[in-house]
Protein backbone atom coordinates (compact mmCIF):
# COMPACT_ATOMS: atom_id res chain seq x y z
CA MET A 1 58.38 123.90 79.76
CA PHE A 2 58.51 126.59 82.22
CA THR A 3 57.51 125.67 85.57
CA LEU A 4 57.36 128.98 88.26
CA GLU A 5 58.32 127.63 91.68
CA GLN A 6 58.25 130.44 94.15
CA LYS A 7 57.69 134.19 93.85
CA SER A 8 59.50 136.67 96.09
CA PRO A 9 57.25 138.32 98.65
CA LYS A 10 59.49 141.47 98.03
CA SER A 11 59.30 142.07 94.50
CA GLN A 12 58.36 140.62 91.17
CA ALA A 13 61.55 138.34 91.17
CA ARG A 14 60.84 134.54 90.90
CA VAL A 15 62.60 131.04 90.38
CA GLY A 16 61.43 128.45 88.49
CA VAL A 17 62.83 125.73 86.25
CA PHE A 18 62.70 125.52 82.33
CA LYS A 19 63.27 121.89 80.56
CA THR A 20 64.50 121.22 77.53
CA ARG A 21 65.77 117.92 75.80
CA HIS A 22 69.15 118.68 76.50
CA GLY A 23 68.44 119.12 80.34
CA LYS A 24 66.83 121.47 82.65
CA ILE A 25 67.91 125.16 83.65
CA GLU A 26 67.02 126.62 86.85
CA THR A 27 65.92 130.16 86.59
CA PRO A 28 67.09 133.12 86.69
CA PHE A 29 69.91 132.10 84.36
CA PHE A 30 72.79 133.39 82.17
CA LEU A 31 73.84 132.69 79.05
CA PRO A 32 77.48 132.60 78.44
CA ILE A 33 77.99 133.53 74.51
CA ALA A 34 79.60 131.17 72.11
CA THR A 35 78.55 133.33 69.09
CA ARG A 36 80.83 130.89 66.36
CA GLY A 37 80.07 127.71 68.04
CA ALA A 38 82.89 128.59 70.86
CA VAL A 39 82.75 130.89 74.08
CA LYS A 40 86.15 132.92 73.09
CA SER A 41 89.12 131.50 74.95
CA LEU A 42 87.70 128.81 76.63
CA SER A 43 86.98 124.87 75.69
CA VAL A 44 83.82 123.26 76.11
CA ALA A 45 85.41 121.38 79.08
CA ASP A 46 86.01 125.16 80.88
CA ILE A 47 82.34 125.88 80.08
CA LYS A 48 80.84 122.78 81.79
CA ALA A 49 83.73 123.12 84.69
CA LEU A 50 82.13 126.51 85.31
CA GLY A 51 78.46 125.09 85.79
CA ALA A 52 76.90 126.92 82.61
CA GLN A 53 73.62 125.85 82.35
CA ILE A 54 73.00 126.79 78.65
CA ILE A 55 75.17 128.95 76.15
CA LEU A 56 74.04 131.12 73.50
CA SER A 57 75.16 130.75 69.73
CA ASN A 58 74.74 133.11 67.25
CA THR A 59 72.46 131.99 63.70
CA TYR A 60 73.36 134.92 61.49
CA HIS A 61 77.62 134.07 62.25
CA LEU A 62 76.86 130.37 61.74
CA TRP A 63 75.09 130.84 58.70
CA LEU A 64 77.82 132.53 56.98
CA LYS A 65 80.61 130.46 58.64
CA PRO A 66 81.20 127.27 58.66
CA GLY A 67 77.63 127.26 56.71
CA ARG A 68 74.19 125.06 57.54
CA GLU A 69 75.63 122.36 55.65
CA VAL A 70 78.66 121.65 57.34
CA ILE A 71 76.69 121.80 60.88
CA ARG A 72 74.05 119.70 59.57
CA GLN A 73 76.72 116.70 58.07
CA ALA A 74 78.12 116.99 61.55
CA GLY A 75 74.70 116.02 63.23
CA GLY A 76 74.17 119.71 64.64
CA LEU A 77 75.65 122.17 66.45
CA HIS A 78 75.65 120.10 69.82
CA LYS A 79 78.03 117.39 68.06
CA PHE A 80 79.68 120.11 65.93
CA MET A 81 81.28 121.82 69.32
CA GLY A 82 80.94 119.06 71.48
CA TRP A 83 78.72 120.46 74.04
CA SER A 84 75.72 118.06 75.55
CA GLY A 85 73.67 121.00 77.15
CA PRO A 86 70.96 123.45 76.33
CA VAL A 87 71.71 125.91 73.27
CA LEU A 88 69.53 129.01 72.64
CA THR A 89 70.00 130.50 68.97
CA ASP A 90 69.31 134.17 68.34
CA SER A 91 67.86 134.96 64.87
CA GLY A 92 70.34 136.95 63.69
CA GLY A 93 68.48 140.15 63.69
CA PHE A 94 70.51 142.11 66.16
CA GLN A 95 73.74 141.27 64.13
CA VAL A 96 71.75 142.83 60.74
CA PHE A 97 70.60 145.53 63.25
CA SER A 98 74.30 146.44 63.75
CA LEU A 99 74.77 146.42 59.99
CA SER A 100 72.78 149.33 59.49
CA LYS A 101 75.04 150.70 56.38
CA VAL A 102 74.78 147.73 54.40
CA ARG A 103 70.98 146.27 55.12
CA LYS A 104 67.82 147.20 53.70
CA VAL A 105 64.90 146.17 55.97
CA LYS A 106 61.88 145.10 53.68
CA PRO A 107 58.26 143.51 54.76
CA ASP A 108 59.43 140.10 53.87
CA GLY A 109 62.89 140.08 55.70
CA VAL A 110 65.91 141.79 55.22
CA GLU A 111 68.79 142.30 52.75
CA PHE A 112 72.45 142.94 53.73
CA ARG A 113 75.67 142.44 52.60
CA VAL A 114 78.87 141.16 54.42
CA PRO A 115 81.28 143.78 55.00
CA GLU A 116 84.01 141.44 54.45
CA ASN A 117 83.50 140.01 51.37
CA GLY A 118 80.40 142.20 49.84
CA ASN A 119 78.22 139.14 49.42
CA LYS A 120 74.47 139.83 49.55
CA TYR A 121 72.14 137.66 51.52
CA PHE A 122 68.29 137.74 52.43
CA LEU A 123 67.11 136.85 55.80
CA THR A 124 63.51 135.97 56.34
CA PRO A 125 61.61 134.94 59.00
CA LYS A 126 61.39 131.34 57.78
CA LEU A 127 64.63 131.06 57.00
CA ALA A 128 65.83 132.29 60.48
CA LEU A 129 63.69 129.47 61.85
CA ALA A 130 64.96 126.58 59.49
CA ILE A 131 68.73 127.84 60.13
CA GLN A 132 67.98 127.00 63.82
CA VAL A 133 66.02 123.87 63.36
CA GLU A 134 69.07 122.50 61.40
CA LEU A 135 71.66 123.86 64.16
CA GLY A 136 69.54 121.90 66.46
CA SER A 137 68.74 124.69 68.98
CA ASP A 138 66.61 124.08 72.11
CA ILE A 139 65.38 127.41 72.29
CA VAL A 140 65.05 129.13 68.81
CA MET A 141 64.37 133.13 68.41
CA VAL A 142 62.26 134.54 65.81
CA LEU A 143 63.11 137.19 63.11
CA ASP A 144 62.52 140.50 64.59
CA GLU A 145 63.67 144.31 63.74
CA CYS A 146 65.44 145.95 66.57
CA VAL A 147 65.85 149.90 66.66
CA GLY A 148 68.64 151.97 68.21
CA TYR A 149 68.10 154.50 71.04
CA PRO A 150 67.54 157.62 69.86
CA CYS A 151 64.98 156.67 67.50
CA THR A 152 61.38 158.29 66.58
CA LYS A 153 58.23 156.89 67.47
CA GLN A 154 57.77 156.20 63.88
CA GLU A 155 60.77 154.24 63.74
CA ALA A 156 60.05 152.30 66.49
CA GLY A 157 56.13 151.34 65.60
CA ALA A 158 57.22 150.52 62.01
CA ALA A 159 59.61 148.18 63.61
CA VAL A 160 57.16 146.87 65.93
CA GLU A 161 54.70 146.16 63.07
CA ARG A 162 57.31 144.27 61.14
CA THR A 163 58.01 142.07 64.29
CA SER A 164 54.41 141.06 64.86
CA SER A 165 53.88 140.44 60.77
CA TRP A 166 56.78 138.26 61.32
CA ALA A 167 56.22 136.55 64.34
CA LYS A 168 53.23 135.56 63.17
CA GLN A 169 54.87 134.15 59.88
CA ALA A 170 57.37 132.26 62.36
CA ILE A 171 54.30 130.50 64.30
CA LYS A 172 52.38 129.53 61.07
CA TYR A 173 55.69 127.83 59.60
CA TRP A 174 57.14 126.57 62.91
CA PRO A 175 54.85 123.00 63.16
CA LYS A 176 55.87 122.12 59.58
CA ILE A 177 59.69 122.14 60.48
CA LYS A 178 60.28 121.80 64.21
CA LYS A 179 62.03 119.11 65.90
CA PRO A 180 60.53 117.41 68.92
CA GLY A 181 61.42 119.50 72.11
CA GLN A 182 62.50 122.42 70.53
CA ALA A 183 60.96 125.91 71.62
CA LEU A 184 60.25 129.02 70.07
CA PHE A 185 60.45 132.30 71.42
CA GLY A 186 58.92 135.28 70.33
CA ILE A 187 60.31 139.08 70.81
CA ALA A 188 58.71 142.23 71.79
CA GLN A 189 60.16 145.49 70.60
CA GLY A 190 58.88 149.26 71.05
CA SER A 191 61.74 151.00 72.12
CA VAL A 192 61.08 153.65 75.13
CA PHE A 193 57.56 154.13 74.00
CA LYS A 194 55.13 152.70 76.64
CA ASP A 195 52.03 152.39 74.09
CA LEU A 196 54.27 150.82 71.40
CA ARG A 197 55.44 148.21 74.00
CA GLN A 198 52.26 147.45 74.92
CA GLN A 199 51.11 147.23 71.45
CA SER A 200 53.94 144.59 70.64
CA CYS A 201 53.38 142.71 74.11
CA GLY A 202 49.72 142.22 73.25
CA GLU A 203 49.87 141.26 69.68
CA LEU A 204 52.80 138.92 70.84
CA LYS A 205 50.71 137.34 73.44
CA GLN A 206 47.67 136.23 70.66
CA LEU A 207 50.38 133.78 69.31
CA PRO A 208 51.34 130.56 71.26
CA PHE A 209 55.06 131.07 71.93
CA ASP A 210 57.11 128.99 74.68
CA GLY A 211 58.67 132.00 75.90
CA TYR A 212 59.01 135.88 75.63
CA ALA A 213 61.93 137.94 75.27
CA ILE A 214 61.94 141.64 75.24
CA GLY A 215 64.54 143.07 72.90
CA GLY A 216 65.54 146.29 71.95
CA LEU A 217 67.03 147.44 75.24
CA ALA A 218 70.60 148.23 76.26
CA VAL A 219 70.99 150.00 72.71
CA GLY A 220 72.03 153.50 74.28
CA GLU A 221 69.26 154.81 76.30
CA GLU A 222 70.04 155.10 80.18
CA PRO A 223 69.48 152.30 82.69
CA LYS A 224 67.03 154.28 84.64
CA GLN A 225 65.18 154.06 81.39
CA MET A 226 65.14 150.58 81.07
CA TYR A 227 64.03 149.75 83.93
CA GLN A 228 61.03 152.05 83.28
CA VAL A 229 60.38 150.19 80.09
CA LEU A 230 60.62 146.61 82.24
CA ASP A 231 58.18 148.10 84.92
CA TYR A 232 55.05 148.11 82.19
CA THR A 233 56.40 145.78 80.08
CA VAL A 234 57.11 142.57 81.98
CA PRO A 235 54.07 142.20 83.48
CA LEU A 236 51.77 142.09 79.91
CA LEU A 237 53.83 139.28 79.37
CA PRO A 238 52.32 135.74 80.09
CA GLN A 239 53.39 134.85 83.90
CA ASP A 240 53.57 131.10 82.94
CA LYS A 241 56.18 131.45 80.32
CA LEU A 242 60.01 132.33 80.33
CA HIS A 243 60.97 136.25 80.38
CA TYR A 244 63.91 136.91 78.28
CA LEU A 245 66.01 140.22 78.50
CA MET A 246 68.28 140.26 75.43
CA GLY A 247 71.59 141.65 75.77
CA VAL A 248 71.76 142.77 79.43
CA GLY A 249 73.91 143.48 80.96
CA TYR A 250 76.25 144.67 83.66
CA PRO A 251 75.52 142.62 87.15
CA GLU A 252 73.25 145.83 88.87
CA ASN A 253 71.56 145.74 85.66
CA ILE A 254 70.57 141.94 85.94
CA VAL A 255 69.81 142.06 89.71
CA GLU A 256 67.27 145.23 88.68
CA ALA A 257 65.70 142.78 85.95
CA VAL A 258 65.29 139.89 87.94
CA LYS A 259 63.24 141.71 90.52
CA ARG A 260 60.76 142.72 87.92
CA GLY A 261 60.13 139.56 87.08
CA VAL A 262 62.90 138.69 84.21
CA ASP A 263 64.10 134.86 84.23
CA CYS A 264 66.96 134.65 81.60
CA PHE A 265 69.79 136.88 80.31
CA ASP A 266 72.89 136.98 77.82
CA CYS A 267 75.49 139.20 77.49
CA VAL A 268 79.02 139.54 75.78
CA ILE A 269 79.87 141.85 78.88
CA PRO A 270 81.98 139.37 81.09
CA THR A 271 83.70 137.83 78.04
CA ARG A 272 84.32 140.77 76.45
CA GLU A 273 85.57 142.73 79.33
CA ALA A 274 87.63 139.86 80.31
CA ARG A 275 89.70 139.94 77.37
CA HIS A 276 90.41 143.71 78.15
CA GLY A 277 91.58 143.11 81.39
CA ARG A 278 88.35 144.31 83.48
CA ILE A 279 88.00 141.71 86.20
CA TYR A 280 84.83 141.18 88.15
CA LEU A 281 85.25 140.71 92.06
CA TRP A 282 82.92 140.67 94.97
CA LEU A 283 82.58 142.66 97.76
CA LYS A 284 81.92 139.99 100.10
CA SER A 285 83.45 136.08 100.22
CA GLY A 286 80.72 134.27 102.05
CA GLN A 287 77.48 133.20 100.38
CA GLN A 288 75.50 134.36 103.16
CA ASP A 289 77.02 137.75 102.93
CA LYS A 290 76.36 138.09 99.30
CA VAL A 291 72.95 137.38 99.64
CA LYS A 292 72.72 140.01 102.71
CA LEU A 293 74.34 142.32 100.31
CA LEU A 294 72.46 141.91 97.24
CA ALA A 295 69.21 142.23 99.29
CA SER A 296 70.61 145.69 100.82
CA GLY A 297 70.62 147.16 97.25
CA LYS A 298 74.03 148.55 97.97
CA LYS A 299 76.99 148.24 95.63
CA PHE A 300 77.97 144.36 95.58
CA TYR A 301 81.22 144.29 93.54
CA GLU A 302 83.82 146.09 91.63
CA ALA A 303 85.39 145.64 88.57
CA ILE A 304 89.10 146.26 88.36
CA ASN A 305 91.65 147.14 85.47
CA ILE A 306 93.92 144.18 85.79
CA LYS A 307 96.82 146.15 83.51
CA SER A 308 96.99 148.72 85.82
CA ALA A 309 100.65 149.24 87.31
CA VAL A 310 99.08 149.33 90.62
CA TYR A 311 98.84 145.34 90.28
CA LYS A 312 102.59 145.04 89.57
CA LYS A 313 103.81 143.58 92.70
CA ASP A 314 100.38 142.53 94.25
CA PHE A 315 100.72 139.00 95.12
CA SER A 316 97.66 138.42 96.54
CA ILE A 317 95.03 135.91 94.85
CA LEU A 318 93.06 137.54 92.40
CA GLU A 319 89.92 137.13 94.36
CA GLN A 320 90.07 135.57 97.85
CA GLY A 321 87.24 132.95 98.05
CA CYS A 322 86.80 132.41 94.81
CA LEU A 323 86.39 129.23 93.97
CA CYS A 324 87.34 129.54 90.29
CA PHE A 325 89.75 127.42 88.57
CA THR A 326 91.86 130.68 88.03
CA CYS A 327 91.72 131.58 91.85
CA ALA A 328 90.84 128.61 93.65
CA GLN A 329 93.03 126.17 91.91
CA LEU A 330 95.92 127.72 89.96
CA LYS A 331 95.70 130.59 92.34
CA THR A 332 96.51 133.11 90.07
CA THR A 333 98.07 136.21 91.52
CA ARG A 334 96.95 139.74 90.55
CA ALA A 335 100.70 140.79 89.56
CA TYR A 336 100.82 137.28 87.36
CA LEU A 337 97.53 138.13 85.80
CA ARG A 338 98.76 141.84 84.81
CA HIS A 339 101.99 140.34 83.52
CA LEU A 340 100.00 137.92 81.35
CA PHE A 341 98.29 140.65 79.96
CA ASP A 342 101.45 143.03 79.56
CA ILE A 343 103.28 140.60 77.37
CA GLN A 344 100.27 139.74 75.53
CA GLU A 345 100.26 136.38 76.40
CA THR A 346 96.80 134.50 75.32
CA LEU A 347 96.50 132.50 78.85
CA ALA A 348 95.72 136.09 80.05
CA LEU A 349 92.50 136.20 77.71
CA ARG A 350 91.39 132.23 79.57
CA LEU A 351 92.38 133.26 83.13
CA ALA A 352 90.41 136.44 83.28
CA THR A 353 87.67 134.74 81.01
CA ILE A 354 87.24 131.93 83.23
CA HIS A 355 86.40 134.02 86.52
CA ASN A 356 84.33 136.65 85.16
CA LEU A 357 81.89 133.89 83.91
CA HIS A 358 82.45 132.40 86.95
CA PHE A 359 81.42 135.84 88.79
CA TYR A 360 78.49 136.10 86.57
CA LEU A 361 77.28 132.23 86.89
CA GLU A 362 77.54 132.29 90.75
CA LEU A 363 75.76 135.95 90.66
CA MET A 364 72.49 134.13 89.23
CA LYS A 365 73.38 131.31 91.98
CA ILE A 366 72.87 134.12 94.61
CA ILE A 367 70.46 135.67 92.96
CA ARG A 368 68.49 132.65 93.00
CA LEU A 369 69.23 131.89 96.69
CA ALA A 370 68.08 135.30 97.92
CA ILE A 371 64.45 134.91 96.05
CA LYS A 372 64.12 131.23 97.76
CA LYS A 373 64.85 133.40 101.50
CA GLY A 374 62.79 135.91 100.55
CA LYS A 375 65.34 138.53 100.41
CA LEU A 376 65.16 139.87 97.16
């Protein structure tokens, strides 16, 4: 499914192609977050126009609403939301992790109560896979246990053992339920402990996954710590398989992770921050200038608070040279976008989200180009 096409002479960065039954994906790539079957404030047409290669949806949330039966009757998540491209679904493990006060981790799964209504659920490794198969996911993630930072080594070690145990259960169960073309990814844990990361990767490598994810980062540790973990973790993963860093991150985090051999990213940052008026802008406008800036290791973007009063009479385009719908077609000014946020007009959310996602997707294009040119 994954074909490595080129490695950088300057770092561990690489470009390749990951083939799915709903189309091929050029790597490295970024997944816009469609948690409940929609990228907040955007239509499927918007996502297609942005050039997104793949989206991510959430097993936990779709299991609760609208439920397995509704999506099954719709013909799967692709038909339900009208998206024809690839879909990756996470297992729900991170969401369960975030429910720390209302969940109990057990050897055979996780018991939790939904905060909204108090209903009790029990998510097992097999059930997590079964739900994702019904959703019609192209990339299915195993159930894992994610621990936050800081945590004790004992806590991280217990999570590694459970994650490995659940991964073995998933691999055994997978051939019985998978549909043609669906890929299954394992997830390495271990927090910031080198020997635990080595243990987790070593155990996962013994299992025939189609790709390997790194979980348990961007959960409170400093970026420097994240990079250190990647330095010794990514080389432990099979080099002929896709490497997925879950839940990361800011643009500079993505660039640094790519240099360390990561191929795939997802994060709520571009969409969530757009809804709060934080807009991402390149410091250079031309493609070749962007490549040079990335290669230099210098700061390559800025993030502005468009709600600030300094933009009240700023009638310049949101970002000169940007080719997104908001900037290139609507020619939205900073003053107008600030006004939309000021009056709490929902159009502000859509225009800001389009721009930020365009920034992230263009970042991945620039990264791929930089690697191909041997610059990154």
